Amino acid sequence: MIKLTKLNKQPFYLNAVYVERVDSTPDTVITLINGRKVIVLESAGEVVKLITDYYCQVGMLRQMATDVLPSGTGEDQAQK
């Protein structure tokens, strides 16, 4: 979960796994995989960093990167 701030300055936690996209319109609009949209005070860059940090914290980003790399590359060999 990542901590964000609603436009009324109320903090809330969002499950980062459900984020489909983050847009600046100029407000930061987070679209979830179910189509729901959430507008937050944080910039799009801040939201992306929070999501990336969360993925690293729970080990999802490393696993995703390993799944994408072709076998036999130095990266996945270094992990073994």
PDB file of N, CA and C in Angstrom:
ATOM      1  N   MET A   1       0.855  -1.174   0.000  1.00  0.00           N
ATOM      2  CA  MET A   1       0.000   0.000   0.000  1.00  0.00           C
ATOM      3  C   MET A   1       0.899   1.235   0.000  1.00  0.00           C
ATOM      4  N   ILE A   2       0.431   2.263  -0.706  1.00  0.00           N
ATOM      5  CA  ILE A   2       1.163   3.520  -0.729  1.00  0.00           C
ATOM      6  C   ILE A   2       0.285   4.612  -0.124  1.00  0.00           C
ATOM      7  N   LYS A   3       0.920   5.537   0.584  1.00  0.00           N
ATOM      8  CA  LYS A   3       0.186   6.633   1.219  1.00  0.00           C
ATOM      9  C   LYS A   3       0.129   7.811   0.258  1.00  0.00           C
ATOM     10  N   LEU A   4      -1.083   8.281  -0.010  1.00  0.00           N
ATOM     11  CA  LEU A   4      -1.326   9.414  -0.901  1.00  0.00           C
ATOM     12  C   LEU A   4      -2.229  10.417  -0.203  1.00  0.00           C
ATOM     13  N   THR A   5      -2.470  11.558  -0.866  1.00  0.00           N
ATOM     14  CA  THR A   5      -3.298  12.608  -0.286  1.00  0.00           C
ATOM     15  C   THR A   5      -4.393  13.011  -1.262  1.00  0.00           C
ATOM     16  N   LYS A   6      -5.647  12.972  -0.782  1.00  0.00           N
ATOM     17  CA  LYS A   6      -6.778  13.417  -1.597  1.00  0.00           C
ATOM     18  C   LYS A   6      -6.715  14.934  -1.762  1.00  0.00           C
ATOM     19  N   LEU A   7      -7.496  15.471  -2.681  1.00  0.00           N
ATOM     20  CA  LEU A   7      -7.523  16.910  -2.910  1.00  0.00           C
ATOM     21  C   LEU A   7      -7.954  17.695  -1.678  1.00  0.00           C
ATOM     22  N   ASN A   8      -8.766  17.071  -0.796  1.00  0.00           N
ATOM     23  CA  ASN A   8      -9.196  17.745   0.433  1.00  0.00           C
ATOM     24  C   ASN A   8      -8.164  17.605   1.555  1.00  0.00           C
ATOM     25  N   LYS A   9      -6.948  17.161   1.179  1.00  0.00           N
ATOM     26  CA  LYS A   9      -5.789  17.014   2.061  1.00  0.00           C
ATOM     27  C   LYS A   9      -5.919  15.871   3.055  1.00  0.00           C
ATOM     28  N   GLN A  10      -6.846  14.971   2.826  1.00  0.00           N
ATOM     29  CA  GLN A  10      -6.985  13.791   3.667  1.00  0.00           C
ATOM     30  C   GLN A  10      -6.067  12.686   3.157  1.00  0.00           C
ATOM     31  N   PRO A  11      -5.205  12.145   4.015  1.00  0.00           N
ATOM     32  CA  PRO A  11      -4.338  11.044   3.582  1.00  0.00           C
ATOM     33  C   PRO A  11      -5.140   9.743   3.464  1.00  0.00           C
ATOM     34  N   PHE A  12      -4.706   8.888   2.564  1.00  0.00           N
ATOM     35  CA  PHE A  12      -5.320   7.567   2.434  1.00  0.00           C
ATOM     36  C   PHE A  12      -4.280   6.620   1.858  1.00  0.00           C
ATOM     37  N   TYR A  13      -4.560   5.329   1.949  1.00  0.00           N
ATOM     38  CA  TYR A  13      -3.650   4.307   1.421  1.00  0.00           C
ATOM     39  C   TYR A  13      -4.290   3.636   0.219  1.00  0.00           C
ATOM     40  N   LEU A  14      -3.484   3.447  -0.814  1.00  0.00           N
ATOM     41  CA  LEU A  14      -3.954   2.840  -2.052  1.00  0.00           C
ATOM     42  C   LEU A  14      -3.133   1.590  -2.330  1.00  0.00           C
ATOM     43  N   ASN A  15      -3.805   0.519  -2.709  1.00  0.00           N
ATOM     44  CA  ASN A  15      -3.100  -0.700  -3.084  1.00  0.00           C
ATOM     45  C   ASN A  15      -2.479  -0.481  -4.453  1.00  0.00           C
ATOM     46  N   ALA A  16      -1.150  -0.374  -4.490  1.00  0.00           N
ATOM     47  CA  ALA A  16      -0.424  -0.038  -5.716  1.00  0.00           C
ATOM     48  C   ALA A  16      -0.572  -1.095  -6.802  1.00  0.00           C
ATOM     49  N   VAL A  17      -0.923  -2.298  -6.426  1.00  0.00           N
ATOM     50  CA  VAL A  17      -1.065  -3.386  -7.401  1.00  0.00           C
ATOM     51  C   VAL A  17      -2.216  -3.112  -8.360  1.00  0.00           C
ATOM     52  N   TYR A  18      -3.196  -2.339  -7.927  1.00  0.00           N
ATOM     53  CA  TYR A  18      -4.379  -2.079  -8.744  1.00  0.00           C
ATOM     54  C   TYR A  18      -4.258  -0.857  -9.652  1.00  0.00           C
ATOM     55  N   VAL A  19      -3.092  -0.208  -9.662  1.00  0.00           N
ATOM     56  CA  VAL A  19      -2.899   0.986 -10.492  1.00  0.00           C
ATOM     57  C   VAL A  19      -2.612   0.564 -11.930  1.00  0.00           C
ATOM     58  N   GLU A  20      -3.417   1.084 -12.851  1.00  0.00           N
ATOM     59  CA  GLU A  20      -3.208   0.810 -14.274  1.00  0.00           C
ATOM     60  C   GLU A  20      -2.374   1.908 -14.915  1.00  0.00           C
ATOM     61  N   ARG A  21      -2.684   3.180 -14.568  1.00  0.00           N
ATOM     62  CA  ARG A  21      -1.940   4.284 -15.161  1.00  0.00           C
ATOM     63  C   ARG A  21      -1.995   5.505 -14.266  1.00  0.00           C
ATOM     64  N   VAL A  22      -1.037   6.409 -14.483  1.00  0.00           N
ATOM     65  CA  VAL A  22      -0.961   7.667 -13.747  1.00  0.00           C
ATOM     66  C   VAL A  22      -0.810   8.777 -14.776  1.00  0.00           C
ATOM     67  N   ASP A  23      -1.712   9.765 -14.728  1.00  0.00           N
ATOM     68  CA  ASP A  23      -1.706  10.873 -15.687  1.00  0.00           C
ATOM     69  C   ASP A  23      -1.623  12.207 -14.964  1.00  0.00           C
ATOM     70  N   SER A  24      -1.062  13.198 -15.650  1.00  0.00           N
ATOM     71  CA  SER A  24      -1.086  14.594 -15.184  1.00  0.00           C
ATOM     72  C   SER A  24      -1.966  15.365 -16.143  1.00  0.00           C
ATOM     73  N   THR A  25      -3.043  15.985 -15.620  1.00  0.00           N
ATOM     74  CA  THR A  25      -4.020  16.606 -16.531  1.00  0.00           C
ATOM     75  C   THR A  25      -4.452  18.034 -16.175  1.00  0.00           C
ATOM     76  N   PRO A  26      -3.904  18.924 -15.488  1.00  0.00           N
ATOM     77  CA  PRO A  26      -2.649  18.908 -14.745  1.00  0.00           C
ATOM     78  C   PRO A  26      -2.735  18.235 -13.385  1.00  0.00           C
ATOM     79  N   ASP A  27      -3.960  17.968 -12.878  1.00  0.00           N
ATOM     80  CA  ASP A  27      -4.052  17.196 -11.634  1.00  0.00           C
ATOM     81  C   ASP A  27      -3.522  15.786 -11.880  1.00  0.00           C
ATOM     82  N   THR A  28      -3.050  15.162 -10.823  1.00  0.00           N
ATOM     83  CA  THR A  28      -2.583  13.782 -10.951  1.00  0.00           C
ATOM     84  C   THR A  28      -3.781  12.857 -10.817  1.00  0.00           C
ATOM     85  N   VAL A  29      -4.055  12.117 -11.889  1.00  0.00           N
ATOM     86  CA  VAL A  29      -5.185  11.201 -11.924  1.00  0.00           C
ATOM     87  C   VAL A  29      -4.641   9.777 -12.010  1.00  0.00           C
ATOM     88  N   ILE A  30      -5.035   8.959 -11.029  1.00  0.00           N
ATOM     89  CA  ILE A  30      -4.631   7.561 -11.005  1.00  0.00           C
ATOM     90  C   ILE A  30      -5.824   6.742 -11.471  1.00  0.00           C
ATOM     91  N   THR A  31      -5.628   5.958 -12.506  1.00  0.00           N
ATOM     92  CA  THR A  31      -6.687   5.075 -12.999  1.00  0.00           C
ATOM     93  C   THR A  31      -6.383   3.668 -12.521  1.00  0.00           C
ATOM     94  N   LEU A  32      -7.361   3.066 -11.863  1.00  0.00           N
ATOM     95  CA  LEU A  32      -7.208   1.708 -11.352  1.00  0.00           C
ATOM     96  C   LEU A  32      -7.660   0.700 -12.400  1.00  0.00           C
ATOM     97  N   ILE A  33      -7.305  -0.552 -12.213  1.00  0.00           N
ATOM     98  CA  ILE A  33      -7.628  -1.570 -13.212  1.00  0.00           C
ATOM     99  C   ILE A  33      -9.129  -1.788 -13.366  1.00  0.00           C
ATOM    100  N   ASN A  34      -9.927  -1.370 -12.376  1.00  0.00           N
ATOM    101  CA  ASN A  34     -11.382  -1.504 -12.499  1.00  0.00           C
ATOM    102  C   ASN A  34     -12.024  -0.279 -13.146  1.00  0.00           C
ATOM    103  N   GLY A  35     -11.185   0.699 -13.581  1.00  0.00           N
ATOM    104  CA  GLY A  35     -11.686   1.892 -14.246  1.00  0.00           C
ATOM    105  C   GLY A  35     -11.907   3.073 -13.327  1.00  0.00           C
ATOM    106  N   ARG A  36     -11.916   2.845 -12.033  1.00  0.00           N
ATOM    107  CA  ARG A  36     -12.107   3.932 -11.072  1.00  0.00           C
ATOM    108  C   ARG A  36     -10.926   4.888 -11.160  1.00  0.00           C
ATOM    109  N   LYS A  37     -11.206   6.180 -11.003  1.00  0.00           N
ATOM    110  CA  LYS A  37     -10.158   7.198 -11.046  1.00  0.00           C
ATOM    111  C   LYS A  37     -10.047   7.875  -9.684  1.00  0.00           C
ATOM    112  N   VAL A  38      -8.813   8.145  -9.295  1.00  0.00           N
ATOM    113  CA  VAL A  38      -8.531   8.815  -8.032  1.00  0.00           C
ATOM    114  C   VAL A  38      -7.640  10.013  -8.341  1.00  0.00           C
ATOM    115  N   ILE A  39      -8.012  11.179  -7.827  1.00  0.00           N
ATOM    116  CA  ILE A  39      -7.208  12.390  -8.024  1.00  0.00           C
ATOM    117  C   ILE A  39      -6.470  12.674  -6.721  1.00  0.00           C
ATOM    118  N   VAL A  40      -5.163  12.908  -6.838  1.00  0.00           N
ATOM    119  CA  VAL A  40      -4.337  13.112  -5.647  1.00  0.00           C
ATOM    120  C   VAL A  40      -3.509  14.380  -5.775  1.00  0.00           C
ATOM    121  N   LEU A  41      -2.999  14.854  -4.631  1.00  0.00           N
ATOM    122  CA  LEU A  41      -2.163  16.051  -4.611  1.00  0.00           C
ATOM    123  C   LEU A  41      -0.738  15.782  -5.074  1.00  0.00           C
ATOM    124  N   GLU A  42      -0.243  14.571  -4.891  1.00  0.00           N
ATOM    125  CA  GLU A  42       1.121  14.238  -5.282  1.00  0.00           C
ATOM    126  C   GLU A  42       1.272  14.331  -6.803  1.00  0.00           C
ATOM    127  N   SER A  43       2.489  14.647  -7.244  1.00  0.00           N
ATOM    128  CA  SER A  43       2.750  14.702  -8.685  1.00  0.00           C
ATOM    129  C   SER A  43       2.782  13.283  -9.246  1.00  0.00           C
ATOM    130  N   ALA A  44       2.629  13.178 -10.562  1.00  0.00           N
ATOM    131  CA  ALA A  44       2.685  11.859 -11.210  1.00  0.00           C
ATOM    132  C   ALA A  44       4.029  11.196 -10.932  1.00  0.00           C
ATOM    133  N   GLY A  45       5.108  11.966 -10.978  1.00  0.00           N
ATOM    134  CA  GLY A  45       6.434  11.424 -10.700  1.00  0.00           C
ATOM    135  C   GLY A  45       6.548  10.862  -9.291  1.00  0.00           C
ATOM    136  N   GLU A  46       5.964  11.577  -8.320  1.00  0.00           N
ATOM    137  CA  GLU A  46       5.983  11.089  -6.935  1.00  0.00           C
ATOM    138  C   GLU A  46       5.209   9.780  -6.808  1.00  0.00           C
ATOM    139  N   VAL A  47       4.049   9.711  -7.464  1.00  0.00           N
ATOM    140  CA  VAL A  47       3.234   8.499  -7.402  1.00  0.00           C
ATOM    141  C   VAL A  47       3.982   7.323  -8.023  1.00  0.00           C
ATOM    142  N   VAL A  48       4.598   7.546  -9.167  1.00  0.00           N
ATOM    143  CA  VAL A  48       5.353   6.477  -9.823  1.00  0.00           C
ATOM    144  C   VAL A  48       6.499   6.009  -8.925  1.00  0.00           C
ATOM    145  N   LYS A  49       7.191   6.945  -8.272  1.00  0.00           N
ATOM    146  CA  LYS A  49       8.274   6.570  -7.367  1.00  0.00           C
ATOM    147  C   LYS A  49       7.749   5.764  -6.191  1.00  0.00           C
ATOM    148  N   LEU A  50       6.628   6.180  -5.616  1.00  0.00           N
ATOM    149  CA  LEU A  50       6.037   5.433  -4.505  1.00  0.00           C
ATOM    150  C   LEU A  50       5.669   4.012  -4.933  1.00  0.00           C
ATOM    151  N   ILE A  51       5.092   3.881  -6.118  1.00  0.00           N
ATOM    152  CA  ILE A  51       4.714   2.565  -6.633  1.00  0.00           C
ATOM    153  C   ILE A  51       5.962   1.711  -6.875  1.00  0.00           C
ATOM    154  N   THR A  52       6.971   2.301  -7.492  1.00  0.00           N
ATOM    155  CA  THR A  52       8.212   1.573  -7.767  1.00  0.00           C
ATOM    156  C   THR A  52       8.877   1.129  -6.468  1.00  0.00           C
ATOM    157  N   ASP A  53       8.934   2.034  -5.482  1.00  0.00           N
ATOM    158  CA  ASP A  53       9.520   1.683  -4.180  1.00  0.00           C
ATOM    159  C   ASP A  53       8.737   0.555  -3.520  1.00  0.00           C
ATOM    160  N   TYR A  54       7.407   0.613  -3.626  1.00  0.00           N
ATOM    161  CA  TYR A  54       6.572  -0.439  -3.048  1.00  0.00           C
ATOM    162  C   TYR A  54       6.855  -1.782  -3.724  1.00  0.00           C
ATOM    163  N   TYR A  55       6.912  -1.782  -5.054  1.00  0.00           N
ATOM    164  CA  TYR A  55       7.201  -3.019  -5.788  1.00  0.00           C
ATOM    165  C   TYR A  55       8.546  -3.596  -5.378  1.00  0.00           C
ATOM    166  N   CYS A  56       9.547  -2.740  -5.211  1.00  0.00           N
ATOM    167  CA  CYS A  56      10.867  -3.218  -4.770  1.00  0.00           C
ATOM    168  C   CYS A  56      10.791  -3.782  -3.351  1.00  0.00           C
ATOM    169  N   GLN A  57      10.044  -3.106  -2.493  1.00  0.00           N
ATOM    170  CA  GLN A  57       9.920  -3.520  -1.092  1.00  0.00           C
ATOM    171  C   GLN A  57       9.304  -4.913  -0.976  1.00  0.00           C
ATOM    172  N   VAL A  58       8.313  -5.206  -1.789  1.00  0.00           N
ATOM    173  CA  VAL A  58       7.642  -6.505  -1.695  1.00  0.00           C
ATOM    174  C   VAL A  58       8.240  -7.532  -2.655  1.00  0.00           C
ATOM    175  N   GLY A  59       9.267  -7.123  -3.411  1.00  0.00           N
ATOM    176  CA  GLY A  59       9.956  -8.056  -4.289  1.00  0.00           C
ATOM    177  C   GLY A  59       9.301  -8.264  -5.640  1.00  0.00           C
ATOM    178  N   MET A  60       8.296  -7.483  -5.986  1.00  0.00           N
ATOM    179  CA  MET A  60       7.609  -7.650  -7.265  1.00  0.00           C
ATOM    180  C   MET A  60       8.439  -7.131  -8.434  1.00  0.00           C
ATOM    181  N   LEU A  61       9.133  -6.014  -8.231  1.00  0.00           N
ATOM    182  CA  LEU A  61       9.878  -5.414  -9.328  1.00  0.00           C
ATOM    183  C   LEU A  61      11.025  -6.313  -9.760  1.00  0.00           C
ATOM    184  N   ARG A  62      11.717  -6.892  -8.826  1.00  0.00           N
ATOM    185  CA  ARG A  62      12.813  -7.791  -9.165  1.00  0.00           C
ATOM    186  C   ARG A  62      12.282  -8.998  -9.929  1.00  0.00           C
ATOM    187  N   GLN A  63      11.180  -9.552  -9.466  1.00  0.00           N
ATOM    188  CA  GLN A  63      10.591 -10.714 -10.136  1.00  0.00           C
ATOM    189  C   GLN A  63      10.126 -10.345 -11.531  1.00  0.00           C
ATOM    190  N   MET A  64       9.500  -9.182 -11.687  1.00  0.00           N
ATOM    191  CA  MET A  64       9.024  -8.749 -13.000  1.00  0.00           C
ATOM    192  C   MET A  64      10.203  -8.567 -13.942  1.00  0.00           C
ATOM    193  N   ALA A  65      11.287  -7.957 -13.476  1.00  0.00           N
ATOM    194  CA  ALA A  65      12.455  -7.734 -14.319  1.00  0.00           C
ATOM    195  C   ALA A  65      13.082  -9.061 -14.728  1.00  0.00           C
ATOM    196  N   THR A  66      13.125 -10.015 -13.823  1.00  0.00           N
ATOM    197  CA  THR A  66      13.690 -11.329 -14.124  1.00  0.00           C
ATOM    198  C   THR A  66      12.839 -12.054 -15.155  1.00  0.00           C
ATOM    199  N   ASP A  67      11.519 -11.932 -15.051  1.00  0.00           N
ATOM    200  CA  ASP A  67      10.618 -12.593 -15.989  1.00  0.00           C
ATOM    201  C   ASP A  67      10.755 -12.023 -17.395  1.00  0.00           C
ATOM    202  N   VAL A  68      11.098 -10.744 -17.515  1.00  0.00           N
ATOM    203  CA  VAL A  68      11.177 -10.081 -18.809  1.00  0.00           C
ATOM    204  C   VAL A  68      12.496 -10.369 -19.510  1.00  0.00           C
ATOM    205  N   LEU A  69      13.567 -10.528 -18.738  1.00  0.00           N
ATOM    206  CA  LEU A  69      14.880 -10.743 -19.338  1.00  0.00           C
ATOM    207  C   LEU A  69      14.964 -12.119 -19.992  1.00  0.00           C
ATOM    208  N   PRO A  70      15.589 -12.225 -21.167  1.00  0.00           N
ATOM    209  CA  PRO A  70      15.766 -13.534 -21.786  1.00  0.00           C
ATOM    210  C   PRO A  70      16.748 -14.359 -20.955  1.00  0.00           C
ATOM    211  N   SER A  71      16.559 -15.656 -20.937  1.00  0.00           N
ATOM    212  CA  SER A  71      17.441 -16.520 -20.168  1.00  0.00           C
ATOM    213  C   SER A  71      18.842 -16.480 -20.750  1.00  0.00           C
ATOM    214  N   GLY A  72      19.817 -16.628 -19.861  1.00  0.00           N
ATOM    215  CA  GLY A  72      21.200 -16.620 -20.308  1.00  0.00           C
ATOM    216  C   GLY A  72      21.844 -15.252 -20.270  1.00  0.00           C
ATOM    217  N   THR A  73      21.086 -14.193 -19.888  1.00  0.00           N
ATOM    218  CA  THR A  73      21.703 -12.872 -19.788  1.00  0.00           C
ATOM    219  C   THR A  73      22.469 -12.794 -18.492  1.00  0.00           C
ATOM    220  N   GLY A  74      23.363 -11.870 -18.418  1.00  0.00           N
ATOM    221  CA  GLY A  74      24.165 -11.699 -17.222  1.00  0.00           C
ATOM    222  C   GLY A  74      23.337 -11.405 -16.001  1.00  0.00           C
ATOM    223  N   GLU A  75      22.229 -10.666 -16.173  1.00  0.00           N
ATOM    224  CA  GLU A  75      21.390 -10.275 -15.050  1.00  0.00           C
ATOM    225  C   GLU A  75      20.818 -11.490 -14.339  1.00  0.00           C
ATOM    226  N   ASP A  76      20.177 -12.390 -15.080  1.00  0.00           N
ATOM    227  CA  ASP A  76      19.547 -13.519 -14.394  1.00  0.00           C
ATOM    228  C   ASP A  76      20.603 -14.540 -13.933  1.00  0.00           C
ATOM    229  N   GLN A  77      21.746 -14.578 -14.572  1.00  0.00           N
ATOM    230  CA  GLN A  77      22.808 -15.469 -14.125  1.00  0.00           C
ATOM    231  C   GLN A  77      23.396 -14.969 -12.800  1.00  0.00           C
ATOM    232  N   ALA A  78      23.452 -13.654 -12.635  1.00  0.00           N
ATOM    233  CA  ALA A  78      23.994 -13.083 -11.409  1.00  0.00           C
ATOM    234  C   ALA A  78      23.094 -13.368 -10.228  1.00  0.00           C
ATOM    235  N   GLN A  79      21.798 -13.581 -10.473  1.00  0.00           N
ATOM    236  CA  GLN A  79      20.839 -13.845  -9.417  1.00  0.00           C
ATOM    237  C   GLN A  79      20.962 -15.259  -8.871  1.00  0.00           C
ATOM    238  N   LYS A  80      21.579 -16.174  -9.611  1.00  0.00           N
ATOM    239  CA  LYS A  80      21.623 -17.590  -9.219  1.00  0.00           C
ATOM    240  C   LYS A  80      22.734 -17.904  -8.289  1.00  0.00           C
TER     241      LYS A  80
END
